[in-house]
Amino acid sequence: MDYVKLDELLVEETWLEALPGELQKPYAKNLCRFVETEMRGSVPIYPPPHLIFNALHSTPFDQVKAVIIGQDPYHGPGQAMGLSFSVPEGIKIPSSLVNIFKELRQDVGCSLPSHGNLVRWAVQGVLLLNTVLTVRKNQANSHAKKGWEPFTDAIIQIISQKKTGVVFLLWGNSAQEKARLIDESKHHILKAAHPSGLSANRGFFGCRHFSKTNQILERLGLSPIDWQL
């Protein structure tokens, strides 16, 4: 692979303005060195470099209306595309996303889509943010605790500080742990179990987060999200 500098891959202007110098901080320089070394290693890393910051490139800072927080990218070939829970068209829909689609059908009547590409949500203002943005092939959480968490925490904090009325959908314990970064007097936090096969029956099904998000947005005078893919 050609040599890629991680900090040069984030090019979306509104995020660069919102996070001035974030990728030049000491922790982020260490993260950049780590990821650049991993890119040159023998084990592939996902997503491909041009998609690492896809969540930010697809949903500019000034357009964020809702945030869905995931953990780390899918680690199978061709799955990760830099948007939490999303997979490209033609890739088998993962079980968590199948459960999200089931809840969407129950909640707002969406028909089950034939693919798992969520970019249509992203361009409507739904920031699909993983807390870790890269992973080694077939090694879940292999890039956890390397510096991504403070970077994505900074994203959540700057949304909390500089915006108002954003809806945060926090599914599962690790996402809910991010509530500490969010000013609840200015924003809306919706919590539920994780949509994975293990926990969806323990409070994800029936959470109605999609209709609740739209009710909040409409109350604020904002256009609702069209969740149908």
Protein backbone atom coordinates (compact mmCIF):
# COMPACT_ATOMS: atom_id res chain seq x y z
CA MET A 1 0.00 0.00 0.00
CA ASP A 2 1.19 3.52 -0.74
CA TYR A 3 2.26 5.44 2.33
CA VAL A 4 -0.75 7.24 3.76
CA LYS A 5 -0.68 9.96 6.43
CA LEU A 6 -3.71 9.53 8.66
CA ASP A 7 -4.05 13.22 9.55
CA GLU A 8 -4.25 14.14 5.85
CA LEU A 9 -7.27 11.85 5.29
CA LEU A 10 -9.67 14.13 7.21
CA VAL A 11 -10.58 16.81 4.68
CA GLU A 12 -14.16 17.86 5.55
CA GLU A 13 -13.92 21.62 6.20
CA THR A 14 -16.63 22.02 8.85
CA TRP A 15 -15.10 19.26 10.98
CA LEU A 16 -11.59 20.70 10.58
CA GLU A 17 -12.98 24.01 11.84
CA ALA A 18 -14.84 22.33 14.72
CA LEU A 19 -11.78 20.31 15.78
CA PRO A 20 -8.86 22.69 15.15
CA GLY A 21 -5.53 20.95 15.60
CA GLU A 22 -7.08 17.84 17.18
CA LEU A 23 -5.02 15.44 15.05
CA GLN A 24 -1.83 17.36 15.95
CA LYS A 25 -2.19 16.78 19.69
CA PRO A 26 0.35 14.40 21.26
CA TYR A 27 -2.15 11.54 21.74
CA ALA A 28 -3.31 11.89 18.13
CA LYS A 29 0.23 11.93 16.75
CA ASN A 30 0.81 8.61 18.53
CA LEU A 31 -2.45 7.31 17.06
CA CYS A 32 -1.42 8.41 13.57
CA ARG A 33 1.94 6.66 13.90
CA PHE A 34 0.23 3.49 15.12
CA VAL A 35 -2.36 3.39 12.30
CA GLU A 36 0.23 4.26 9.61
CA THR A 37 2.44 1.40 10.87
CA GLU A 38 -0.55 -0.96 10.84
CA MET A 39 -1.36 0.06 7.25
CA ARG A 40 2.10 -1.08 6.19
CA GLY A 41 1.84 -4.38 8.11
CA SER A 42 1.07 -7.81 6.73
CA VAL A 43 -2.47 -7.96 8.16
CA PRO A 44 -5.02 -5.76 6.31
CA ILE A 45 -6.80 -3.07 8.28
CA TYR A 46 -10.34 -1.86 7.75
CA PRO A 47 -11.94 0.26 6.50
CA PRO A 48 -9.75 1.29 3.53
CA PRO A 49 -7.91 4.59 4.17
CA HIS A 50 -10.27 6.80 2.16
CA LEU A 51 -13.20 5.60 4.31
CA ILE A 52 -11.64 5.92 7.79
CA PHE A 53 -13.28 9.33 8.30
CA ASN A 54 -16.35 8.51 6.20
CA ALA A 55 -18.74 9.36 9.05
CA LEU A 56 -17.40 12.93 9.20
CA HIS A 57 -17.19 13.32 5.43
CA SER A 58 -20.78 12.07 4.96
CA THR A 59 -22.29 14.22 7.73
CA PRO A 60 -20.68 17.67 7.99
CA PHE A 61 -20.58 19.24 11.45
CA ASP A 62 -23.12 21.93 10.57
CA GLN A 63 -25.63 19.29 9.42
CA VAL A 64 -25.56 16.92 12.43
CA LYS A 65 -29.09 16.34 13.79
CA ALA A 66 -28.69 12.90 15.37
CA VAL A 67 -25.80 10.65 16.42
CA ILE A 68 -25.75 6.83 16.46
CA ILE A 69 -22.68 5.56 18.31
CA GLY A 70 -21.12 2.19 17.46
CA GLN A 71 -17.98 0.46 18.74
CA ASP A 72 -15.26 -0.52 16.26
CA PRO A 73 -15.56 -1.29 12.54
CA TYR A 74 -16.64 -4.66 11.19
CA HIS A 75 -13.52 -6.79 10.78
CA GLY A 76 -14.51 -9.04 7.86
CA PRO A 77 -13.37 -8.35 4.28
CA GLY A 78 -15.44 -5.73 2.50
CA GLN A 79 -17.72 -4.96 5.46
CA ALA A 80 -16.37 -1.79 7.06
CA MET A 81 -17.20 1.48 5.34
CA GLY A 82 -16.57 4.03 8.08
CA LEU A 83 -20.21 4.39 9.16
CA SER A 84 -21.37 2.69 12.36
CA PHE A 85 -23.53 -0.41 11.74
CA SER A 86 -23.39 0.11 7.94
CA VAL A 87 -22.09 -2.28 5.26
CA PRO A 88 -21.77 -1.67 1.50
CA GLU A 89 -24.42 -2.94 -0.87
CA GLY A 90 -23.79 -6.56 -1.85
CA ILE A 91 -22.40 -7.46 1.59
CA LYS A 92 -24.47 -9.71 3.90
CA ILE A 93 -26.38 -7.62 6.44
CA PRO A 94 -24.91 -8.22 9.95
CA SER A 95 -27.23 -9.43 12.70
CA SER A 96 -27.22 -6.14 14.64
CA LEU A 97 -28.31 -4.28 11.52
CA VAL A 98 -31.00 -6.90 10.78
CA ASN A 99 -32.37 -6.15 14.26
CA ILE A 100 -32.21 -2.39 13.64
CA PHE A 101 -34.25 -2.91 10.47
CA LYS A 102 -36.78 -5.07 12.39
CA GLU A 103 -37.25 -2.29 14.94
CA LEU A 104 -37.60 0.26 12.14
CA ARG A 105 -40.36 -1.83 10.60
CA GLN A 106 -42.19 -2.12 13.92
CA ASP A 107 -41.64 1.52 14.87
CA VAL A 108 -42.18 3.53 11.68
CA GLY A 109 -43.32 0.93 9.16
CA CYS A 110 -40.19 0.84 7.00
CA SER A 111 -40.00 -2.15 4.70
CA LEU A 112 -36.94 -4.36 5.22
CA PRO A 113 -34.20 -3.19 2.84
CA SER A 114 -32.24 -5.50 0.58
CA HIS A 115 -28.88 -3.98 1.63
CA GLY A 116 -27.19 -2.49 4.69
CA ASN A 117 -25.72 0.74 3.30
CA LEU A 118 -26.77 3.52 5.68
CA VAL A 119 -25.26 6.45 3.77
CA ARG A 120 -28.79 7.70 3.08
CA TRP A 121 -29.17 8.35 6.83
CA ALA A 122 -25.76 10.02 7.02
CA VAL A 123 -26.52 12.58 4.31
CA GLN A 124 -29.72 13.52 6.17
CA GLY A 125 -27.74 14.50 9.27
CA VAL A 126 -27.38 11.22 11.18
CA LEU A 127 -23.73 10.97 12.29
CA LEU A 128 -22.88 7.25 12.26
CA LEU A 129 -19.88 7.36 14.57
CA ASN A 130 -17.84 4.41 15.80
CA THR A 131 -15.78 5.08 18.91
CA VAL A 132 -12.79 3.36 17.24
CA LEU A 133 -12.31 4.04 13.52
CA THR A 134 -9.97 1.24 12.39
CA VAL A 135 -9.50 -2.49 13.04
CA ARG A 136 -7.28 -5.40 11.94
CA LYS A 137 -8.79 -8.06 9.72
CA ASN A 138 -10.59 -10.70 11.80
CA GLN A 139 -9.46 -9.12 15.11
CA ALA A 140 -12.29 -7.27 16.84
CA ASN A 141 -11.17 -4.38 19.07
CA SER A 142 -7.56 -4.74 17.87
CA HIS A 143 -7.27 -0.94 17.52
CA ALA A 144 -9.05 -0.12 20.79
CA LYS A 145 -7.10 1.89 23.39
CA LYS A 146 -4.67 3.24 20.75
CA GLY A 147 -5.96 6.81 20.71
CA TRP A 148 -9.19 6.66 18.74
CA GLU A 149 -11.36 6.97 21.86
CA PRO A 150 -10.10 10.45 22.86
CA PHE A 151 -10.52 11.57 19.25
CA THR A 152 -14.12 10.37 18.96
CA ASP A 153 -14.83 11.67 22.48
CA ALA A 154 -13.66 15.08 21.23
CA ILE A 155 -16.18 14.81 18.37
CA ILE A 156 -19.02 14.06 20.80
CA GLN A 157 -17.92 16.87 23.13
CA ILE A 158 -17.70 19.49 20.40
CA ILE A 159 -21.19 18.56 19.17
CA SER A 160 -22.42 18.92 22.75
CA GLN A 161 -20.68 22.27 23.24
CA LYS A 162 -21.32 24.01 19.94
CA LYS A 163 -24.72 22.66 18.89
CA THR A 164 -28.16 22.39 20.49
CA GLY A 165 -31.02 19.95 20.10
CA VAL A 166 -29.03 16.97 18.78
CA VAL A 167 -30.55 13.54 19.43
CA PHE A 168 -28.01 10.96 20.68
CA LEU A 169 -29.03 7.31 20.26
CA LEU A 170 -26.99 5.29 22.75
CA TRP A 171 -27.41 1.54 22.32
CA GLY A 172 -25.66 -0.74 24.80
CA ASN A 173 -23.33 -0.05 27.69
CA SER A 174 -20.29 1.20 25.81
CA ALA A 175 -22.34 3.78 23.89
CA GLN A 176 -24.20 4.82 27.03
CA GLU A 177 -20.89 5.44 28.73
CA LYS A 178 -20.53 8.43 26.36
CA ALA A 179 -23.50 10.19 27.99
CA ARG A 180 -20.96 11.82 30.35
CA LEU A 181 -19.72 13.89 27.39
CA ILE A 182 -23.17 15.26 26.48
CA ASP A 183 -24.90 18.28 28.02
CA GLU A 184 -28.41 16.94 28.67
CA SER A 185 -29.77 20.44 29.23
CA LYS A 186 -29.16 21.19 25.53
CA HIS A 187 -29.50 17.78 23.86
CA HIS A 188 -31.68 14.67 23.87
CA ILE A 189 -30.32 11.26 24.92
CA LEU A 190 -32.19 8.07 24.01
CA LYS A 191 -30.89 4.87 25.64
CA ALA A 192 -31.64 1.24 24.81
CA ALA A 193 -30.00 -2.17 24.81
CA HIS A 194 -27.57 -2.95 22.00
CA PRO A 195 -29.24 -4.34 18.84
CA SER A 196 -26.94 -7.37 18.73
CA GLY A 197 -28.49 -10.83 18.69
CA LEU A 198 -27.48 -11.30 22.33
CA SER A 199 -29.24 -8.25 23.75
CA ALA A 200 -31.85 -6.97 21.28
CA ASN A 201 -34.62 -8.77 23.17
CA ARG A 202 -33.56 -7.10 26.41
CA GLY A 203 -34.74 -3.63 25.51
CA PHE A 204 -33.74 -2.73 21.97
CA PHE A 205 -36.88 -4.14 20.38
CA GLY A 206 -39.67 -1.77 21.27
CA CYS A 207 -37.43 1.21 22.07
CA ARG A 208 -39.05 3.23 19.23
CA HIS A 209 -35.97 5.43 18.94
CA PHE A 210 -36.59 6.21 15.28
CA SER A 211 -40.04 7.72 15.77
CA LYS A 212 -38.89 9.42 19.00
CA THR A 213 -35.97 11.02 17.13
CA ASN A 214 -38.35 12.40 14.52
CA GLN A 215 -40.77 13.69 17.14
CA ILE A 216 -37.93 15.59 18.79
CA LEU A 217 -36.66 17.00 15.48
CA GLU A 218 -40.13 18.12 14.43
CA ARG A 219 -40.68 19.76 17.82
CA LEU A 220 -37.49 21.73 17.18
CA GLY A 221 -38.74 22.78 13.75
CA LEU A 222 -36.28 20.51 11.92
CA SER A 223 -37.10 18.12 9.10
CA PRO A 224 -37.48 14.50 10.29
CA ILE A 225 -35.23 11.69 9.09
CA ASP A 226 -36.61 9.50 6.31
CA TRP A 227 -35.40 6.16 7.68
CA GLN A 228 -36.49 4.09 4.66
CA LEU A 229 -33.51 2.81 2.67
